[in-house]
Amino acid sequence: MTSRSTTPQERLERLQGLLSGQRSQDPIGKVLGQGVYGNMLLGAMLHGADRLRQNRTPTDLEAVLLDVLKALVPEAEAKQWGRTYRDLVTAHQGRLPTVPARITGRSVDQGYSMADLRNDYPGLQAEAAACPNVQVVDPLTAAAGESEDHAFIEAMRETKYAVTGFARQAAPMTVAGTAEGDTGQSQDAAEEPAGAGDSGPAAATFPVKLEMNNFLVHRAVGDQGGGKDEIYWTAATSTSSQSGSTYRSEEFGAVKKGQTRSFSPSNNVLFQGTTKGFLGTSIHVWEADQSGEAQWRLVEARLNAMVKLIGELMDIADAFQALPHWLGVAWEGAKMLLYFTHVWRNYDDLSCTRTIVMDQQDLAVLAHHGQAAWHFNGDGYHELRVKWAAEKVPFPYATLEYAVRSDKGWGTPITLPWKSIAPPALASFKGKLYAAFVNEANQVLWTRLENGVWRKPVRIGQDGSVFAPALGVCAGKLYYAVTASGDHGLYWRTFNETGTTWGPLNKFQGYGSSKAPNLGGYEGMLYLTHVGADGRIHHNIQYGHGWESIFQDNLQWEVDKPVAICTSTNRTWRIARGNDAKVYTSIASGNNRQWTSQGIHSTWRTTHGVALAHHGGNLWILFRDTDGILRAATHSNNTWSESHHVSGHRVIKTLDEPATVSHDNRLYVMYRR
């Protein structure tokens, strides 16, 4: 096989073609022409190259990006990239199709810095998230083994690249305080569960090993006509604790639709190293036209630059406190790779590329589940299966906090001395406030508030989960339900008041849940609500003498978060976050086994599930808005009130859905932050 290197002149001509819009109708031109903020980092790199050429000192951001470029070309050529950019900006009167005006409008004396990127980042992030080839995944959806979204996979085919991030917030700051009429005192943290202290695994370095297991061919590259059917895979991966590494697979010949091809055991390690909590990888599948070692050396140089770029992007996003929601910089990084690939293009064609970013929660879920399937739908369509081959990653945790509302309004939030890896649960039962949560060791614990003091948390049996537990009351009994982290089975118990212990563990046979369950209703009737792997909602009803048979939601809602149910003013409400982040409402009808839609709230948006409670004669809803702020509203006289910040004007930012309950004439809300 033969291969050839590109010359500096060829690279500059290709760069000029991309910058000037000559490729605007090609797939790469359409991708690189996306959005007002598109290619901010590429633009900053080129602007910095021009400023370097003209003896200006690069800004902090420009210096980082120029280091990536200089890993690919000598400094003299990097300056010529800057000259090409400047000449085109001048010729096009300050506007280029693939570089935003925020960059091209700057003079050579005005650099583009980290501070500038920070100011532009909200717009860049929003623009990235709105792209159909950018995917935000709930890590627990991944843990349930659910397939990637069909629309996302189809959008990938149009652009031949995609970015995946995960819906998890960074580690929180905690604020202590006291609530109205509540001391906030607690007994010592539980000694029984392992790892329940304040220090934990969040800052630890832990091993990572990802292996390429196999890939399923949904459509071979040559199936579109004119192409070959030999492919190979490459990747660049970096973490938050080391420089990273590159990967190249063997070449797979005679690839046909329907085949499952396995990677060689001697060459299947996508990445092996350590991390302090974050990992980014860019994976590519190529059509092998005239591959050879010379071609691989060219690709490897770009991959090494990508390793450096991923590391720099993680540092940038971390500085912005945007990890792991760093879709914006990942989106930008993926497009920089496309630029480099086109400028250095050789005989081999890029079928599809994906950039995937994960934090400790995502890695813990992947380690727990053991495998993941990532789709690459470009010139060909291949489903890559990767396998976790290292020790289990500890789940990160966050501090529990709660706030109380009396007739005087919200009190100051109280920070508890316990941490949880999932949202908590609350229930008011026979004059006492109960709470359940999952500690750092994945053990489900319970506690209760007695005379202003929280009991030391105790484990519920030997129960373990990565999902939030649920608590509910029916016919004089306190019920508990949980989705197991092992088999995703759905389990329940009742509380034994005499011995302050929980009764035997019971399992619902024949079905499980892909999300945390919910228990809600009123004293004489309790709904168990759970979500199937297809996103459909299912219910069981308890009237105090056993669970009735399962039934499915007649409204056919599709959700990706837990669902809330509460009875208020003689109506049982069910409210959920839809996959579009809107808030959907319904009430029970038809012997409590049918639901009647009450519409979609016109303005509310939430990133997670909602919490409901009947308090003060009204239905209360609490939810985390798209800015992470905890909000509350009420429903009375067939009207929803305006939402307000919980705890008055003080902003509370939460990680996920809260739990709420009315207890002792006060409204309690507990959450992770």
Foldseek 3Di string as FASTA:
>chain_A
DDWDFDDLVLLLVLLLCQFALVCCVPLLNVLLLDDQQGQALVLLCLLLLCLVLVVHDAAPSNVLSVVLVCLQPPSVSSNVSNVSVLVSCVVVVQDTSRYHSVRSVDDSNDHQYLVNCLVCVVVLLVSLVPQLQEEEAALLLQLLVFDDDPSNLVSCASNQEHEYFYQFADADDDDADAWVVFPLAADDADPPDPPWAPDHLLQPKDKFWKWFFKKAFQFALCNVPDAFRKKKKKKWKEAQPDLTDIAIFDIDHPDHHGDIGTTDPVGTTRGIDIHSWKMKMKMFMKRCDPDDPVVVVSVRSLSSSLSSLVNVLVVSCVVSSCPPSSSSSQSSSVSVSVSSCSSGPIRMGIFHMYMYMGTLQSQLSLLLSFKGWDWRNYSTIMIIIMGIDGDHGFQDWFWKKKWKQFPVAITDIHTDRGIALEAKEWDAAPQKIKIWGAHRVQFIWIWIADPSYIYHIDGQPRAGDNAYKEWDAEQRWIKIWFQGSRPQWIWMWIADVVVRHIDDIDTDPDAHASHTWYWEEDHQKIWIWGAHSQQWIKIWMDRPPDIDDIDTAPVRAGADAYWEWYDAPNWIKIWWQGPVQWIWIWTADDVRRYIDTPDTDPDFGAPHTWEWEYAPRWIKIWGQGPVQWIWMWTDDPNDIDDIAGHPHPDTDGAGYYWYWYQHPRMIMIMGGD
